Amino acid sequence: MSWTSAACSSQCLGEKTLERVPPDEAVQPLEVTMLGWALTFLVIGVIAAVLGFTTIAGASFAIAKFLAAVFLILFLVFVILGVTAVRRITS
């Protein structure tokens, strides 16, 4: 449940009131995954390389490779932890 400050009219005279907002109308945070950032930097690197900005392209590719590697390592660690947890629970 989300609570937001109600719009104050001339009747409330500075009092703050809260009203309930339905979940579908609540503001949802923007989620950007690590793999999404890696793909963003990859696209920036490709565009920079095509336009001839080699320094920016190299930096963008390096960031993209780093983020992709971190994503892959974390993915594998959590897969291994998940498999281990399932084996312990079922045995």
C-alpha atoms as a PDB file:
ATOM      1  CA  MET A   1       0.000   0.000   0.000  1.00  0.00           C
ATOM      2  CA  SER A   2       1.212   3.444  -0.800  1.00  0.00           C
ATOM      3  CA  TRP A   3       0.384   6.627   1.009  1.00  0.00           C
ATOM      4  CA  THR A   4       0.712  10.065  -0.509  1.00  0.00           C
ATOM      5  CA  SER A   5       0.127  13.535   0.813  1.00  0.00           C
ATOM      6  CA  ALA A   6      -3.305  14.757  -0.207  1.00  0.00           C
ATOM      7  CA  ALA A   7      -3.610  18.024  -2.032  1.00  0.00           C
ATOM      8  CA  CYS A   8      -4.261  20.709   0.534  1.00  0.00           C
ATOM      9  CA  SER A   9      -7.227  22.939  -0.130  1.00  0.00           C
ATOM     10  CA  SER A  10      -8.096  26.199   1.551  1.00  0.00           C
ATOM     11  CA  GLN A  11     -10.048  24.210   4.159  1.00  0.00           C
ATOM     12  CA  CYS A  12      -7.109  22.292   5.639  1.00  0.00           C
ATOM     13  CA  LEU A  13      -5.143  25.423   6.625  1.00  0.00           C
ATOM     14  CA  GLY A  14      -1.705  23.810   6.561  1.00  0.00           C
ATOM     15  CA  GLU A  15      -2.691  20.410   7.960  1.00  0.00           C
ATOM     16  CA  LYS A  16      -1.112  17.481   6.165  1.00  0.00           C
ATOM     17  CA  THR A  17      -3.384  14.541   5.474  1.00  0.00           C
ATOM     18  CA  LEU A  18      -2.641  11.212   3.867  1.00  0.00           C
ATOM     19  CA  GLU A  19      -4.841   9.311   1.465  1.00  0.00           C
ATOM     20  CA  ARG A  20      -4.497   5.731   0.276  1.00  0.00           C
ATOM     21  CA  VAL A  21      -3.381   5.277  -3.356  1.00  0.00           C
ATOM     22  CA  PRO A  22      -4.307   2.043  -5.167  1.00  0.00           C
ATOM     23  CA  PRO A  23      -1.241  -0.127  -5.946  1.00  0.00           C
ATOM     24  CA  ASP A  24      -1.668   0.211  -9.705  1.00  0.00           C
ATOM     25  CA  GLU A  25      -1.474   4.002  -9.427  1.00  0.00           C
ATOM     26  CA  ALA A  26       1.545   4.053  -7.104  1.00  0.00           C
ATOM     27  CA  VAL A  27       4.795   5.247  -8.640  1.00  0.00           C
ATOM     28  CA  GLN A  28       7.003   2.276  -9.453  1.00  0.00           C
ATOM     29  CA  PRO A  29      10.793   2.763  -9.341  1.00  0.00           C
ATOM     30  CA  LEU A  30      12.684   2.439 -12.597  1.00  0.00           C
ATOM     31  CA  GLU A  31      14.757  -0.727 -12.527  1.00  0.00           C
ATOM     32  CA  VAL A  32      17.773  -1.039 -14.759  1.00  0.00           C
ATOM     33  CA  THR A  33      19.678  -4.284 -14.629  1.00  0.00           C
ATOM     34  CA  MET A  34      23.416  -4.669 -14.806  1.00  0.00           C
ATOM     35  CA  LEU A  35      23.102  -6.465 -18.122  1.00  0.00           C
ATOM     36  CA  GLY A  36      21.037  -3.557 -19.416  1.00  0.00           C
ATOM     37  CA  TRP A  37      23.815  -1.142 -18.505  1.00  0.00           C
ATOM     38  CA  ALA A  38      26.352  -3.387 -20.241  1.00  0.00           C
ATOM     39  CA  LEU A  39      24.247  -3.390 -23.404  1.00  0.00           C
ATOM     40  CA  THR A  40      23.850   0.397 -23.177  1.00  0.00           C
ATOM     41  CA  PHE A  41      27.608   0.910 -23.008  1.00  0.00           C
ATOM     42  CA  LEU A  42      28.069  -1.572 -25.846  1.00  0.00           C
ATOM     43  CA  VAL A  43      25.712   0.435 -28.069  1.00  0.00           C
ATOM     44  CA  ILE A  44      27.452   3.690 -27.074  1.00  0.00           C
ATOM     45  CA  GLY A  45      30.775   2.087 -27.953  1.00  0.00           C
ATOM     46  CA  VAL A  46      29.563   0.899 -31.351  1.00  0.00           C
ATOM     47  CA  ILE A  47      28.117   4.318 -32.218  1.00  0.00           C
ATOM     48  CA  ALA A  48      31.296   6.073 -31.039  1.00  0.00           C
ATOM     49  CA  ALA A  49      33.446   3.671 -33.083  1.00  0.00           C
ATOM     50  CA  VAL A  50      31.374   4.257 -36.220  1.00  0.00           C
ATOM     51  CA  LEU A  51      31.664   8.025 -35.759  1.00  0.00           C
ATOM     52  CA  GLY A  52      35.430   7.804 -35.195  1.00  0.00           C
ATOM     53  CA  PHE A  53      35.625   8.584 -31.477  1.00  0.00           C
ATOM     54  CA  THR A  54      38.098   5.836 -30.665  1.00  0.00           C
ATOM     55  CA  THR A  55      38.816   6.888 -27.068  1.00  0.00           C
ATOM     56  CA  ILE A  56      35.141   6.969 -26.110  1.00  0.00           C
ATOM     57  CA  ALA A  57      34.540   3.723 -27.986  1.00  0.00           C
ATOM     58  CA  GLY A  58      37.373   1.967 -26.171  1.00  0.00           C
ATOM     59  CA  ALA A  59      36.200   3.178 -22.771  1.00  0.00           C
ATOM     60  CA  SER A  60      32.604   2.157 -23.481  1.00  0.00           C
ATOM     61  CA  PHE A  61      33.654  -1.302 -24.646  1.00  0.00           C
ATOM     62  CA  ALA A  62      35.802  -1.731 -21.524  1.00  0.00           C
ATOM     63  CA  ILE A  63      32.903  -0.766 -19.251  1.00  0.00           C
ATOM     64  CA  ALA A  64      30.541  -3.066 -21.170  1.00  0.00           C
ATOM     65  CA  LYS A  65      32.955  -6.003 -20.910  1.00  0.00           C
ATOM     66  CA  PHE A  66      33.472  -5.395 -17.190  1.00  0.00           C
ATOM     67  CA  LEU A  67      29.746  -5.199 -16.429  1.00  0.00           C
ATOM     68  CA  ALA A  68      29.011  -8.258 -18.547  1.00  0.00           C
ATOM     69  CA  ALA A  69      31.726 -10.222 -16.736  1.00  0.00           C
ATOM     70  CA  VAL A  70      30.419  -9.156 -13.308  1.00  0.00           C
ATOM     71  CA  PHE A  71      26.896 -10.121 -14.404  1.00  0.00           C
ATOM     72  CA  LEU A  72      28.080 -13.537 -15.607  1.00  0.00           C
ATOM     73  CA  ILE A  73      30.049 -14.226 -12.416  1.00  0.00           C
ATOM     74  CA  LEU A  74      27.132 -13.228 -10.168  1.00  0.00           C
ATOM     75  CA  PHE A  75      24.735 -15.290 -12.288  1.00  0.00           C
ATOM     76  CA  LEU A  76      26.901 -18.389 -11.961  1.00  0.00           C
ATOM     77  CA  VAL A  77      27.386 -17.891  -8.206  1.00  0.00           C
ATOM     78  CA  PHE A  78      23.638 -17.593  -7.628  1.00  0.00           C
ATOM     79  CA  VAL A  79      22.884 -20.609  -9.843  1.00  0.00           C
ATOM     80  CA  ILE A  80      25.337 -22.691  -7.823  1.00  0.00           C
ATOM     81  CA  LEU A  81      23.873 -21.402  -4.544  1.00  0.00           C
ATOM     82  CA  GLY A  82      20.356 -22.163  -5.757  1.00  0.00           C
ATOM     83  CA  VAL A  83      21.220 -25.710  -6.812  1.00  0.00           C
ATOM     84  CA  THR A  84      22.991 -26.316  -3.492  1.00  0.00           C
ATOM     85  CA  ALA A  85      20.026 -24.963  -1.518  1.00  0.00           C
ATOM     86  CA  VAL A  86      17.536 -27.129  -3.431  1.00  0.00           C
ATOM     87  CA  ARG A  87      19.650 -30.229  -2.845  1.00  0.00           C
ATOM     88  CA  ARG A  88      19.830 -29.519   0.899  1.00  0.00           C
ATOM     89  CA  ILE A  89      16.102 -28.856   1.162  1.00  0.00           C
ATOM     90  CA  THR A  90      15.056 -31.970  -0.773  1.00  0.00           C
ATOM     91  CA  SER A  91      17.465 -34.355   0.943  1.00  0.00           C
END
